């Protein structure tokens, strides 16, 4: 799932060398922290957060298939 998230993000941002996806396995969920450059944050979030929400929905649906709770956070 981490690879899928990385692929999606890399296809959106311009600064591909500065993208990092961290996976943290917690008791109740798997948390993915997506770090991108400040200039790319607007592209990842999109107008009214629609791109970020679409990414979260896609990753959560994959997690639901595997019966796992997924949280995706976007940080600079």
PDB file of N, CA and C in Angstrom:
ATOM      1  N   UNK A   1       0.819  -1.187   0.000  1.00  0.00           N
ATOM      2  CA  UNK A   1       0.000   0.000   0.000  1.00  0.00           C
ATOM      3  C   UNK A   1       0.870   1.261   0.000  1.00  0.00           C
ATOM      4  N   UNK A   2       1.987   1.206   0.688  1.00  0.00           N
ATOM      5  CA  UNK A   2       2.898   2.348   0.717  1.00  0.00           C
ATOM      6  C   UNK A   2       3.382   2.674  -0.693  1.00  0.00           C
ATOM      7  N   UNK A   3       3.662   1.644  -1.485  1.00  0.00           N
ATOM      8  CA  UNK A   3       4.140   1.842  -2.846  1.00  0.00           C
ATOM      9  C   UNK A   3       3.072   2.506  -3.717  1.00  0.00           C
ATOM     10  N   UNK A   4       1.833   2.126  -3.520  1.00  0.00           N
ATOM     11  CA  UNK A   4       0.734   2.730  -4.278  1.00  0.00           C
ATOM     12  C   UNK A   4       0.621   4.208  -3.945  1.00  0.00           C
ATOM     13  N   UNK A   5       0.687   4.529  -2.651  1.00  0.00           N
ATOM     14  CA  UNK A   5       0.607   5.921  -2.210  1.00  0.00           C
ATOM     15  C   UNK A   5       1.768   6.738  -2.776  1.00  0.00           C
ATOM     16  N   UNK A   6       2.981   6.182  -2.738  1.00  0.00           N
ATOM     17  CA  UNK A   6       4.148   6.873  -3.291  1.00  0.00           C
ATOM     18  C   UNK A   6       3.968   7.142  -4.790  1.00  0.00           C
ATOM     19  N   UNK A   7       3.469   6.161  -5.515  1.00  0.00           N
ATOM     20  CA  UNK A   7       3.264   6.305  -6.956  1.00  0.00           C
ATOM     21  C   UNK A   7       2.272   7.425  -7.260  1.00  0.00           C
ATOM     22  N   UNK A   8       1.184   7.468  -6.508  1.00  0.00           N
ATOM     23  CA  UNK A   8       0.177   8.517  -6.712  1.00  0.00           C
ATOM     24  C   UNK A   8       0.785   9.891  -6.465  1.00  0.00           C
ATOM     25  N   UNK A   9       1.479  10.034  -5.342  1.00  0.00           N
ATOM     26  CA  UNK A   9       2.055  11.333  -4.968  1.00  0.00           C
ATOM     27  C   UNK A   9       3.128  11.759  -5.970  1.00  0.00           C
ATOM     28  N   UNK A  10       3.982  10.827  -6.369  1.00  0.00           N
ATOM     29  CA  UNK A  10       5.053  11.166  -7.312  1.00  0.00           C
ATOM     30  C   UNK A  10       4.519  11.644  -8.660  1.00  0.00           C
ATOM     31  N   UNK A  11       3.340  11.189  -9.034  1.00  0.00           N
ATOM     32  CA  UNK A  11       2.750  11.617 -10.297  1.00  0.00           C
ATOM     33  C   UNK A  11       2.061  12.973 -10.202  1.00  0.00           C
ATOM     34  N   UNK A  12       1.921  13.502  -8.994  1.00  0.00           N
ATOM     35  CA  UNK A  12       1.274  14.800  -8.803  1.00  0.00           C
ATOM     36  C   UNK A  12       2.296  15.917  -8.608  1.00  0.00           C
ATOM     37  N   UNK A  13       3.342  15.655  -7.840  1.00  0.00           N
ATOM     38  CA  UNK A  13       4.293  16.708  -7.459  1.00  0.00           C
ATOM     39  C   UNK A  13       5.327  16.976  -8.543  1.00  0.00           C
ATOM     40  N   UNK A  14       5.978  18.146  -8.439  1.00  0.00           N
ATOM     41  CA  UNK A  14       7.064  18.488  -9.350  1.00  0.00           C
ATOM     42  C   UNK A  14       8.421  18.088  -8.784  1.00  0.00           C
ATOM     43  N   UNK A  15       8.618  18.282  -7.472  1.00  0.00           N
ATOM     44  CA  UNK A  15       9.882  17.949  -6.813  1.00  0.00           C
ATOM     45  C   UNK A  15       9.859  16.487  -6.360  1.00  0.00           C
ATOM     46  N   UNK A  16      10.074  15.584  -7.302  1.00  0.00           N
ATOM     47  CA  UNK A  16       9.953  14.154  -7.026  1.00  0.00           C
ATOM     48  C   UNK A  16      11.045  13.623  -6.091  1.00  0.00           C
ATOM     49  N   UNK A  17      12.183  14.307  -6.045  1.00  0.00           N
ATOM     50  CA  UNK A  17      13.289  13.849  -5.198  1.00  0.00           C
ATOM     51  C   UNK A  17      13.038  14.100  -3.720  1.00  0.00           C
ATOM     52  N   UNK A  18      12.113  14.987  -3.407  1.00  0.00           N
ATOM     53  CA  UNK A  18      11.873  15.360  -2.015  1.00  0.00           C
ATOM     54  C   UNK A  18      10.552  14.819  -1.484  1.00  0.00           C
ATOM     55  N   UNK A  19      10.131  13.673  -1.995  1.00  0.00           N
ATOM     56  CA  UNK A  19       8.899  13.037  -1.521  1.00  0.00           C
ATOM     57  C   UNK A  19       9.289  11.878  -0.614  1.00  0.00           C
ATOM     58  N   UNK A  20       8.634  11.820   0.534  1.00  0.00           N
ATOM     59  CA  UNK A  20       8.911  10.743   1.483  1.00  0.00           C
ATOM     60  C   UNK A  20       7.583  10.261   2.066  1.00  0.00           C
ATOM     61  N   UNK A  21       7.398   8.952   2.087  1.00  0.00           N
ATOM     62  CA  UNK A  21       6.202   8.362   2.679  1.00  0.00           C
ATOM     63  C   UNK A  21       6.655   7.477   3.835  1.00  0.00           C
ATOM     64  N   UNK A  22       6.229   7.845   5.041  1.00  0.00           N
ATOM     65  CA  UNK A  22       6.570   7.079   6.239  1.00  0.00           C
ATOM     66  C   UNK A  22       5.366   6.266   6.682  1.00  0.00           C
ATOM     67  N   UNK A  23       5.613   5.023   7.056  1.00  0.00           N
ATOM     68  CA  UNK A  23       4.549   4.137   7.500  1.00  0.00           C
ATOM     69  C   UNK A  23       4.733   3.853   8.989  1.00  0.00           C
ATOM     70  N   UNK A  24       3.698   4.144   9.771  1.00  0.00           N
ATOM     71  CA  UNK A  24       3.726   3.882  11.206  1.00  0.00           C
ATOM     72  C   UNK A  24       2.582   2.924  11.540  1.00  0.00           C
ATOM     73  N   UNK A  25       2.920   1.789  12.082  1.00  0.00           N
ATOM     74  CA  UNK A  25       1.890   0.828  12.451  1.00  0.00           C
ATOM     75  C   UNK A  25       1.558   1.044  13.922  1.00  0.00           C
ATOM     76  N   UNK A  26       0.319   1.448  14.159  1.00  0.00           N
ATOM     77  CA  UNK A  26      -0.145   1.702  15.515  1.00  0.00           C
ATOM     78  C   UNK A  26      -1.143   0.621  15.909  1.00  0.00           C
ATOM     79  N   UNK A  27      -1.616   0.679  17.155  1.00  0.00           N
ATOM     80  CA  UNK A  27      -2.546  -0.334  17.650  1.00  0.00           C
ATOM     81  C   UNK A  27      -3.824  -0.414  16.842  1.00  0.00           C
ATOM     82  N   UNK A  28      -4.391   0.739  16.531  1.00  0.00           N
ATOM     83  CA  UNK A  28      -5.709   0.748  15.891  1.00  0.00           C
ATOM     84  C   UNK A  28      -5.683   1.053  14.396  1.00  0.00           C
ATOM     85  N   UNK A  29      -4.534   1.477  13.869  1.00  0.00           N
ATOM     86  CA  UNK A  29      -4.496   1.882  12.459  1.00  0.00           C
ATOM     87  C   UNK A  29      -3.073   1.874  11.922  1.00  0.00           C
ATOM     88  N   UNK A  30      -2.986   1.954  10.613  1.00  0.00           N
ATOM     89  CA  UNK A  30      -1.710   2.181   9.937  1.00  0.00           C
ATOM     90  C   UNK A  30      -1.731   3.633   9.485  1.00  0.00           C
ATOM     91  N   UNK A  31      -0.726   4.398   9.898  1.00  0.00           N
ATOM     92  CA  UNK A  31      -0.668   5.824   9.578  1.00  0.00           C
ATOM     93  C   UNK A  31       0.438   6.053   8.547  1.00  0.00           C
ATOM     94  N   UNK A  32       0.074   6.714   7.461  1.00  0.00           N
ATOM     95  CA  UNK A  32       1.046   7.096   6.440  1.00  0.00           C
ATOM     96  C   UNK A  32       1.222   8.597   6.502  1.00  0.00           C
ATOM     97  N   UNK A  33       2.477   9.033   6.668  1.00  0.00           N
ATOM     98  CA  UNK A  33       2.801  10.459   6.631  1.00  0.00           C
ATOM     99  C   UNK A  33       3.481  10.734   5.300  1.00  0.00           C
ATOM    100  N   UNK A  34       2.885  11.601   4.524  1.00  0.00           N
ATOM    101  CA  UNK A  34       3.430  11.960   3.219  1.00  0.00           C
ATOM    102  C   UNK A  34       4.094  13.324   3.349  1.00  0.00           C
ATOM    103  N   UNK A  35       5.418  13.357   3.151  1.00  0.00           N
ATOM    104  CA  UNK A  35       6.158  14.617   3.233  1.00  0.00           C
ATOM    105  C   UNK A  35       6.509  15.069   1.831  1.00  0.00           C
ATOM    106  N   UNK A  36       6.128  16.310   1.527  1.00  0.00           N
ATOM    107  CA  UNK A  36       6.445  16.909   0.226  1.00  0.00           C
ATOM    108  C   UNK A  36       6.970  18.319   0.460  1.00  0.00           C
ATOM    109  N   UNK A  37       7.559  18.896  -0.580  1.00  0.00           N
ATOM    110  CA  UNK A  37       8.033  20.279  -0.516  1.00  0.00           C
ATOM    111  C   UNK A  37       6.855  21.225  -0.321  1.00  0.00           C
ATOM    112  N   UNK A  38       7.152  22.372   0.264  1.00  0.00           N
ATOM    113  CA  UNK A  38       6.118  23.380   0.512  1.00  0.00           C
ATOM    114  C   UNK A  38       5.433  23.802  -0.794  1.00  0.00           C
ATOM    115  N   UNK A  39       6.205  23.896  -1.866  1.00  0.00           N
ATOM    116  CA  UNK A  39       5.661  24.318  -3.164  1.00  0.00           C
ATOM    117  C   UNK A  39       4.670  23.293  -3.723  1.00  0.00           C
ATOM    118  N   UNK A  40       4.841  22.031  -3.369  1.00  0.00           N
ATOM    119  CA  UNK A  40       3.976  20.969  -3.885  1.00  0.00           C
ATOM    120  C   UNK A  40       2.763  20.697  -3.001  1.00  0.00           C
ATOM    121  N   UNK A  41       2.730  21.271  -1.827  1.00  0.00           N
ATOM    122  CA  UNK A  41       1.633  20.996  -0.903  1.00  0.00           C
ATOM    123  C   UNK A  41       0.284  21.410  -1.494  1.00  0.00           C
ATOM    124  N   UNK A  42       0.245  22.514  -2.208  1.00  0.00           N
ATOM    125  CA  UNK A  42      -1.001  22.964  -2.829  1.00  0.00           C
ATOM    126  C   UNK A  42      -1.517  21.979  -3.867  1.00  0.00           C
ATOM    127  N   UNK A  43      -0.604  21.370  -4.597  1.00  0.00           N
ATOM    128  CA  UNK A  43      -1.010  20.382  -5.602  1.00  0.00           C
ATOM    129  C   UNK A  43      -1.550  19.122  -4.942  1.00  0.00           C
ATOM    130  N   UNK A  44      -0.937  18.723  -3.848  1.00  0.00           N
ATOM    131  CA  UNK A  44      -1.378  17.511  -3.143  1.00  0.00           C
ATOM    132  C   UNK A  44      -2.743  17.745  -2.493  1.00  0.00           C
ATOM    133  N   UNK A  45      -2.944  18.920  -1.926  1.00  0.00           N
ATOM    134  CA  UNK A  45      -4.219  19.201  -1.263  1.00  0.00           C
ATOM    135  C   UNK A  45      -5.307  19.486  -2.293  1.00  0.00           C
ATOM    136  N   UNK A  46      -4.993  20.269  -3.311  1.00  0.00           N
ATOM    137  CA  UNK A  46      -5.969  20.579  -4.361  1.00  0.00           C
ATOM    138  C   UNK A  46      -6.988  21.607  -3.904  1.00  0.00           C
ATOM    139  N   UNK A  47      -7.852  22.008  -4.824  1.00  0.00           N
ATOM    140  CA  UNK A  47      -8.886  22.991  -4.497  1.00  0.00           C
ATOM    141  C   UNK A  47      -9.851  22.392  -3.492  1.00  0.00           C
ATOM    142  N   UNK A  48     -10.035  23.108  -2.396  1.00  0.00           N
ATOM    143  CA  UNK A  48     -10.934  22.701  -1.307  1.00  0.00           C
ATOM    144  C   UNK A  48     -10.602  21.310  -0.783  1.00  0.00           C
ATOM    145  N   UNK A  49      -9.336  20.889  -0.925  1.00  0.00           N
ATOM    146  CA  UNK A  49      -8.895  19.612  -0.384  1.00  0.00           C
ATOM    147  C   UNK A  49      -9.362  18.389  -1.156  1.00  0.00           C
ATOM    148  N   UNK A  50      -9.800  18.593  -2.377  1.00  0.00           N
ATOM    149  CA  UNK A  50     -10.379  17.481  -3.146  1.00  0.00           C
ATOM    150  C   UNK A  50      -9.355  16.438  -3.557  1.00  0.00           C
ATOM    151  N   UNK A  51      -8.143  16.847  -3.896  1.00  0.00           N
ATOM    152  CA  UNK A  51      -7.118  15.878  -4.288  1.00  0.00           C
ATOM    153  C   UNK A  51      -6.708  15.046  -3.079  1.00  0.00           C
ATOM    154  N   UNK A  52      -6.464  15.716  -1.955  1.00  0.00           N
ATOM    155  CA  UNK A  52      -6.092  14.999  -0.736  1.00  0.00           C
ATOM    156  C   UNK A  52      -7.192  14.030  -0.322  1.00  0.00           C
ATOM    157  N   UNK A  53      -8.431  14.462  -0.406  1.00  0.00           N
ATOM    158  CA  UNK A  53      -9.556  13.597  -0.036  1.00  0.00           C
ATOM    159  C   UNK A  53      -9.660  12.398  -0.978  1.00  0.00           C
ATOM    160  N   UNK A  54      -9.415  12.613  -2.252  1.00  0.00           N
ATOM    161  CA  UNK A  54      -9.459  11.513  -3.221  1.00  0.00           C
ATOM    162  C   UNK A  54      -8.360  10.485  -2.928  1.00  0.00           C
ATOM    163  N   UNK A  55      -7.160  10.969  -2.596  1.00  0.00           N
ATOM    164  CA  UNK A  55      -6.059  10.068  -2.249  1.00  0.00           C
ATOM    165  C   UNK A  55      -6.425   9.265  -1.006  1.00  0.00           C
ATOM    166  N   UNK A  56      -6.942   9.943   0.015  1.00  0.00           N
ATOM    167  CA  UNK A  56      -7.329   9.260   1.257  1.00  0.00           C
ATOM    168  C   UNK A  56      -8.410   8.209   0.996  1.00  0.00           C
ATOM    169  N   UNK A  57      -9.403   8.571   0.192  1.00  0.00           N
ATOM    170  CA  UNK A  57     -10.495   7.640  -0.105  1.00  0.00           C
ATOM    171  C   UNK A  57      -9.971   6.394  -0.809  1.00  0.00           C
ATOM    172  N   UNK A  58      -9.093   6.579  -1.762  1.00  0.00           N
ATOM    173  CA  UNK A  58      -8.530   5.451  -2.497  1.00  0.00           C
ATOM    174  C   UNK A  58      -7.732   4.528  -1.578  1.00  0.00           C
ATOM    175  N   UNK A  59      -6.852   5.109  -0.778  1.00  0.00           N
ATOM    176  CA  UNK A  59      -6.010   4.303   0.114  1.00  0.00           C
ATOM    177  C   UNK A  59      -6.859   3.626   1.193  1.00  0.00           C
ATOM    178  N   UNK A  60      -7.854   4.337   1.727  1.00  0.00           N
ATOM    179  CA  UNK A  60      -8.731   3.737   2.735  1.00  0.00           C
ATOM    180  C   UNK A  60      -9.533   2.582   2.159  1.00  0.00           C
ATOM    181  N   UNK A  61      -9.952   2.700   0.900  1.00  0.00           N
ATOM    182  CA  UNK A  61     -10.723   1.610   0.297  1.00  0.00           C
ATOM    183  C   UNK A  61      -9.853   0.370   0.087  1.00  0.00           C
ATOM    184  N   UNK A  62      -8.604   0.570  -0.244  1.00  0.00           N
ATOM    185  CA  UNK A  62      -7.676  -0.561  -0.350  1.00  0.00           C
ATOM    186  C   UNK A  62      -7.483  -1.190   1.025  1.00  0.00           C
ATOM    187  N   UNK A  63      -7.340  -0.351   2.056  1.00  0.00           N
ATOM    188  CA  UNK A  63      -7.201  -0.847   3.418  1.00  0.00           C
ATOM    189  C   UNK A  63      -8.432  -1.591   3.899  1.00  0.00           C
ATOM    190  N   UNK A  64      -9.607  -1.117   3.514  1.00  0.00           N
ATOM    191  CA  UNK A  64     -10.857  -1.762   3.916  1.00  0.00           C
ATOM    192  C   UNK A  64     -10.950  -3.170   3.338  1.00  0.00           C
ATOM    193  N   UNK A  65     -10.457  -3.339   2.130  1.00  0.00           N
ATOM    194  CA  UNK A  65     -10.430  -4.662   1.517  1.00  0.00           C
ATOM    195  C   UNK A  65      -9.605  -5.641   2.354  1.00  0.00           C
ATOM    196  N   UNK A  66      -8.532  -5.116   2.961  1.00  0.00           N
ATOM    197  CA  UNK A  66      -7.638  -5.927   3.789  1.00  0.00           C
ATOM    198  C   UNK A  66      -8.028  -5.868   5.271  1.00  0.00           C
ATOM    199  N   UNK A  67      -9.166  -5.228   5.552  1.00  0.00           N
ATOM    200  CA  UNK A  67      -9.691  -5.073   6.916  1.00  0.00           C
ATOM    201  C   UNK A  67      -8.703  -4.365   7.838  1.00  0.00           C
ATOM    202  N   UNK A  68      -8.150  -3.252   7.329  1.00  0.00           N
ATOM    203  CA  UNK A  68      -7.212  -2.428   8.092  1.00  0.00           C
ATOM    204  C   UNK A  68      -7.686  -0.987   8.050  1.00  0.00           C
ATOM    205  N   UNK A  69      -7.538  -0.285   9.172  1.00  0.00           N
ATOM    206  CA  UNK A  69      -7.858   1.137   9.211  1.00  0.00           C
ATOM    207  C   UNK A  69      -6.613   1.900   8.781  1.00  0.00           C
ATOM    208  N   UNK A  70      -6.797   2.818   7.843  1.00  0.00           N
ATOM    209  CA  UNK A  70      -5.689   3.581   7.281  1.00  0.00           C
ATOM    210  C   UNK A  70      -5.918   5.070   7.513  1.00  0.00           C
ATOM    211  N   UNK A  71      -4.847   5.769   7.901  1.00  0.00           N
ATOM    212  CA  UNK A  71      -4.880   7.221   8.054  1.00  0.00           C
ATOM    213  C   UNK A  71      -3.754   7.784   7.188  1.00  0.00           C
ATOM    214  N   UNK A  72      -4.079   8.786   6.372  1.00  0.00           N
ATOM    215  CA  UNK A  72      -3.076   9.433   5.527  1.00  0.00           C
ATOM    216  C   UNK A  72      -2.963  10.886   5.958  1.00  0.00           C
ATOM    217  N   UNK A  73      -1.733  11.291   6.319  1.00  0.00           N
ATOM    218  CA  UNK A  73      -1.468  12.676   6.726  1.00  0.00           C
ATOM    219  C   UNK A  73      -0.481  13.288   5.739  1.00  0.00           C
ATOM    220  N   UNK A  74      -0.713  14.547   5.401  1.00  0.00           N
ATOM    221  CA  UNK A  74       0.181  15.268   4.504  1.00  0.00           C
ATOM    222  C   UNK A  74       0.917  16.333   5.307  1.00  0.00           C
ATOM    223  N   UNK A  75       2.250  16.293   5.276  1.00  0.00           N
ATOM    224  CA  UNK A  75       3.061  17.253   6.034  1.00  0.00           C
ATOM    225  C   UNK A  75       4.130  17.848   5.129  1.00  0.00           C
ATOM    226  N   UNK A  76       4.601  19.039   5.510  1.00  0.00           N
ATOM    227  CA  UNK A  76       5.662  19.712   4.739  1.00  0.00           C
ATOM    228  C   UNK A  76       7.014  19.264   5.214  1.00  0.00           C
TER     229      UNK A  76
END
